[in-house]
Structures are given as C-alpha cells and as structure tokens.
C-alpha cells in the first residue's frame, strides 16, 4: 500500500484523528450538560444532538475506512 495523500491508509488516519477530537468534544459537552435539564436550554440541547449525530456519522465513516483497508490487504494477500 502506498502512502500517497489519497491512499486509504492516510484517509483512515485522518478520520481516526478527527474521531478522537469529536469524542473529546462530546465528552466536554456531556460534562457541561451534567447539571442541565434536557430541553431547558433549547440551543444547548440542539447543539448536543447535532454533535451526537456528527460523532455517529463520523464513527461509521471511520469504520468504513478501516474495512476498506482490511479488504485491500485481503486482496493483496490473495495475489
């Protein structure tokens, strides 16, 4: 596998780093939201819901990249 800028390995590394940052942001949100009632501050609640949706989407995208790398390795082992 090459380490070109568009290679699946580099994309996966980028996705993984962003994943860690997003999870840290979600953890910070949860700490800030500890004393809040859901729906008490609508903007805060919507921001949290949006952050959770983004983390979920990004996690699935990262997993897809990992599966893509495994598929490429499996294909190269066959040949």
N, C-alpha and C. Protein backbone atom coordinates (compact mmCIF):
# COMPACT_ATOMS: atom_id res chain seq x y z
N UNK A 1 0.83 -1.18 0.00
CA UNK A 1 0.00 0.00 0.00
C UNK A 1 0.87 1.24 0.00
N UNK A 2 0.56 2.15 -0.84
CA UNK A 2 1.35 3.37 -0.90
C UNK A 2 0.87 4.36 0.14
N UNK A 3 1.74 5.30 0.49
CA UNK A 3 1.37 6.35 1.45
C UNK A 3 1.12 7.67 0.73
N UNK A 4 0.46 7.60 -0.40
CA UNK A 4 0.09 8.82 -1.12
C UNK A 4 -0.97 9.55 -0.32
N UNK A 5 -1.17 10.83 -0.62
CA UNK A 5 -2.12 11.64 0.15
C UNK A 5 -3.55 11.12 0.04
N UNK A 6 -3.88 10.43 -1.04
CA UNK A 6 -5.23 9.94 -1.22
C UNK A 6 -5.39 8.47 -0.89
N UNK A 7 -4.36 7.87 -0.31
CA UNK A 7 -4.43 6.44 -0.04
C UNK A 7 -5.41 6.15 1.10
N UNK A 8 -6.00 4.98 1.09
CA UNK A 8 -6.94 4.62 2.15
C UNK A 8 -6.32 4.68 3.55
N UNK A 9 -5.05 4.35 3.65
CA UNK A 9 -4.38 4.38 4.96
C UNK A 9 -4.32 5.81 5.50
N UNK A 10 -3.96 6.77 4.66
CA UNK A 10 -3.90 8.16 5.12
C UNK A 10 -5.29 8.71 5.43
N UNK A 11 -6.28 8.33 4.63
CA UNK A 11 -7.65 8.76 4.91
C UNK A 11 -8.11 8.21 6.25
N UNK A 12 -7.78 6.94 6.51
CA UNK A 12 -8.18 6.32 7.77
C UNK A 12 -7.50 7.03 8.95
N UNK A 13 -6.23 7.34 8.81
CA UNK A 13 -5.52 8.06 9.88
C UNK A 13 -6.18 9.40 10.15
N UNK A 14 -6.51 10.14 9.11
CA UNK A 14 -7.17 11.43 9.27
C UNK A 14 -8.52 11.26 9.95
N UNK A 15 -9.30 10.29 9.49
CA UNK A 15 -10.61 10.03 10.09
C UNK A 15 -10.48 9.65 11.56
N UNK A 16 -9.45 8.87 11.89
CA UNK A 16 -9.26 8.45 13.26
C UNK A 16 -8.90 9.63 14.16
N UNK A 17 -8.06 10.53 13.68
CA UNK A 17 -7.70 11.72 14.46
C UNK A 17 -8.93 12.60 14.68
N UNK A 18 -9.70 12.81 13.63
CA UNK A 18 -10.92 13.62 13.76
C UNK A 18 -11.90 12.93 14.71
N UNK A 19 -11.97 11.61 14.65
CA UNK A 19 -12.83 10.84 15.55
C UNK A 19 -12.47 11.11 17.01
N UNK A 20 -11.20 11.09 17.32
CA UNK A 20 -10.74 11.34 18.69
C UNK A 20 -11.13 12.76 19.12
N UNK A 21 -10.95 13.73 18.25
CA UNK A 21 -11.30 15.12 18.57
C UNK A 21 -12.81 15.24 18.80
N UNK A 22 -13.60 14.61 17.96
CA UNK A 22 -15.05 14.67 18.12
C UNK A 22 -15.52 14.00 19.41
N UNK A 23 -14.91 12.90 19.76
CA UNK A 23 -15.28 12.21 21.00
C UNK A 23 -14.89 13.07 22.21
N UNK A 24 -13.74 13.73 22.12
CA UNK A 24 -13.34 14.64 23.20
C UNK A 24 -14.33 15.81 23.32
N UNK A 25 -14.78 16.34 22.19
CA UNK A 25 -15.76 17.43 22.21
C UNK A 25 -17.08 16.95 22.80
N UNK A 26 -17.48 15.74 22.46
CA UNK A 26 -18.71 15.18 23.01
C UNK A 26 -18.58 14.95 24.52
N UNK A 27 -17.42 14.49 24.96
CA UNK A 27 -17.20 14.31 26.40
C UNK A 27 -17.26 15.65 27.12
N UNK A 28 -16.67 16.68 26.53
CA UNK A 28 -16.74 18.03 27.11
C UNK A 28 -18.18 18.51 27.17
N UNK A 29 -18.94 18.27 26.13
CA UNK A 29 -20.36 18.64 26.12
C UNK A 29 -21.10 17.93 27.25
N UNK A 30 -20.83 16.65 27.42
CA UNK A 30 -21.50 15.89 28.48
C UNK A 30 -21.15 16.43 29.86
N UNK A 31 -19.91 16.84 30.06
CA UNK A 31 -19.51 17.42 31.34
C UNK A 31 -20.25 18.74 31.56
N UNK A 32 -20.33 19.55 30.52
CA UNK A 32 -21.04 20.83 30.63
C UNK A 32 -22.54 20.63 30.82
N UNK A 33 -23.08 19.57 30.28
CA UNK A 33 -24.52 19.32 30.33
C UNK A 33 -24.94 18.58 31.59
N UNK A 34 -23.99 18.25 32.43
CA UNK A 34 -24.29 17.42 33.61
C UNK A 34 -25.42 18.00 34.46
N UNK A 35 -25.41 19.28 34.69
CA UNK A 35 -26.42 19.88 35.56
C UNK A 35 -27.63 20.44 34.83
N UNK A 36 -27.69 20.25 33.52
CA UNK A 36 -28.80 20.83 32.75
C UNK A 36 -29.93 19.82 32.55
N UNK A 37 -31.13 20.34 32.48
CA UNK A 37 -32.30 19.52 32.17
C UNK A 37 -32.46 19.53 30.65
N UNK A 38 -32.73 18.36 30.07
CA UNK A 38 -32.90 18.25 28.62
C UNK A 38 -34.06 19.15 28.19
N UNK A 39 -33.81 20.00 27.24
CA UNK A 39 -34.84 20.90 26.72
C UNK A 39 -34.93 22.21 27.47
N UNK A 40 -34.20 22.35 28.59
CA UNK A 40 -34.23 23.58 29.37
C UNK A 40 -33.66 24.74 28.55
N UNK A 41 -32.52 24.50 27.92
CA UNK A 41 -31.90 25.46 27.02
C UNK A 41 -31.93 24.81 25.63
N UNK A 42 -32.86 25.24 24.80
CA UNK A 42 -33.08 24.58 23.51
C UNK A 42 -31.85 24.61 22.61
N UNK A 43 -31.15 25.74 22.59
CA UNK A 43 -29.96 25.84 21.73
C UNK A 43 -28.89 24.85 22.20
N UNK A 44 -28.69 24.74 23.51
CA UNK A 44 -27.71 23.80 24.05
C UNK A 44 -28.10 22.36 23.72
N UNK A 45 -29.38 22.04 23.84
CA UNK A 45 -29.87 20.69 23.54
C UNK A 45 -29.70 20.36 22.06
N UNK A 46 -30.05 21.29 21.20
CA UNK A 46 -29.91 21.06 19.75
C UNK A 46 -28.44 20.93 19.36
N UNK A 47 -27.59 21.73 19.98
CA UNK A 47 -26.15 21.62 19.70
C UNK A 47 -25.64 20.23 20.11
N UNK A 48 -26.09 19.75 21.24
CA UNK A 48 -25.68 18.42 21.69
C UNK A 48 -26.19 17.32 20.78
N UNK A 49 -27.43 17.44 20.36
CA UNK A 49 -28.00 16.44 19.45
C UNK A 49 -27.25 16.45 18.12
N UNK A 50 -26.92 17.62 17.64
CA UNK A 50 -26.15 17.73 16.39
C UNK A 50 -24.76 17.14 16.54
N UNK A 51 -24.13 17.40 17.68
CA UNK A 51 -22.79 16.84 17.93
C UNK A 51 -22.85 15.32 18.00
N UNK A 52 -23.86 14.79 18.66
CA UNK A 52 -24.01 13.33 18.74
C UNK A 52 -24.25 12.72 17.37
N UNK A 53 -25.05 13.38 16.55
CA UNK A 53 -25.29 12.88 15.18
C UNK A 53 -24.00 12.91 14.36
N UNK A 54 -23.22 13.98 14.51
CA UNK A 54 -21.96 14.10 13.79
C UNK A 54 -20.97 13.02 14.22
N UNK A 55 -20.88 12.77 15.52
CA UNK A 55 -19.98 11.72 16.02
C UNK A 55 -20.41 10.37 15.48
N UNK A 56 -21.71 10.10 15.46
CA UNK A 56 -22.20 8.83 14.95
C UNK A 56 -21.86 8.67 13.47
N UNK A 57 -22.12 9.70 12.68
CA UNK A 57 -21.80 9.65 11.25
C UNK A 57 -20.30 9.43 11.03
N UNK A 58 -19.50 10.18 11.78
CA UNK A 58 -18.05 10.10 11.59
C UNK A 58 -17.52 8.74 12.01
N UNK A 59 -18.09 8.16 13.07
CA UNK A 59 -17.67 6.83 13.52
C UNK A 59 -17.96 5.79 12.44
N UNK A 60 -19.13 5.86 11.86
CA UNK A 60 -19.46 4.91 10.79
C UNK A 60 -18.56 5.10 9.57
N UNK A 61 -18.23 6.34 9.27
CA UNK A 61 -17.33 6.62 8.16
C UNK A 61 -15.93 6.09 8.44
N UNK A 62 -15.48 6.24 9.67
CA UNK A 62 -14.16 5.74 10.06
C UNK A 62 -14.13 4.21 9.98
N UNK A 63 -15.18 3.58 10.45
CA UNK A 63 -15.26 2.12 10.37
C UNK A 63 -15.24 1.65 8.91
N UNK A 64 -15.91 2.40 8.05
CA UNK A 64 -15.90 2.06 6.63
C UNK A 64 -14.47 2.12 6.07
N UNK A 65 -13.72 3.15 6.48
CA UNK A 65 -12.34 3.26 6.04
C UNK A 65 -11.48 2.11 6.53
N UNK A 66 -11.71 1.69 7.78
CA UNK A 66 -10.98 0.55 8.31
C UNK A 66 -11.29 -0.73 7.56
N UNK A 67 -12.56 -0.92 7.24
CA UNK A 67 -12.95 -2.10 6.46
C UNK A 67 -12.35 -2.06 5.06
N UNK A 68 -12.27 -0.86 4.51
CA UNK A 68 -11.67 -0.71 3.17
C UNK A 68 -10.20 -1.12 3.20
N UNK A 69 -9.49 -0.73 4.24
CA UNK A 69 -8.08 -1.11 4.36
C UNK A 69 -7.94 -2.62 4.51
N UNK A 70 -8.81 -3.23 5.33
CA UNK A 70 -8.76 -4.68 5.50
C UNK A 70 -9.06 -5.40 4.19
N UNK A 71 -10.00 -4.89 3.42
CA UNK A 71 -10.33 -5.51 2.13
C UNK A 71 -9.15 -5.41 1.16
N UNK A 72 -8.48 -4.27 1.16
CA UNK A 72 -7.31 -4.11 0.28
C UNK A 72 -6.19 -5.05 0.70
N UNK A 73 -6.00 -5.22 1.99
CA UNK A 73 -4.96 -6.15 2.46
C UNK A 73 -5.32 -7.58 2.09
N UNK A 74 -6.57 -7.95 2.28
CA UNK A 74 -7.00 -9.30 1.94
C UNK A 74 -6.84 -9.57 0.45
N UNK A 75 -7.14 -8.56 -0.36
CA UNK A 75 -6.99 -8.71 -1.81
C UNK A 75 -5.53 -8.88 -2.19
N UNK A 76 -4.64 -8.12 -1.52
CA UNK A 76 -3.22 -8.22 -1.86
C UNK A 76 -2.63 -9.54 -1.37
N UNK A 77 -3.19 -10.15 -0.33
CA UNK A 77 -2.71 -11.44 0.13
C UNK A 77 -3.09 -12.57 -0.82
N UNK A 78 -4.22 -12.41 -1.51
CA UNK A 78 -4.67 -13.43 -2.46
C UNK A 78 -3.76 -13.48 -3.68
N UNK A 79 -3.24 -12.34 -4.08
CA UNK A 79 -2.44 -12.28 -5.31
C UNK A 79 -1.02 -12.48 -5.02
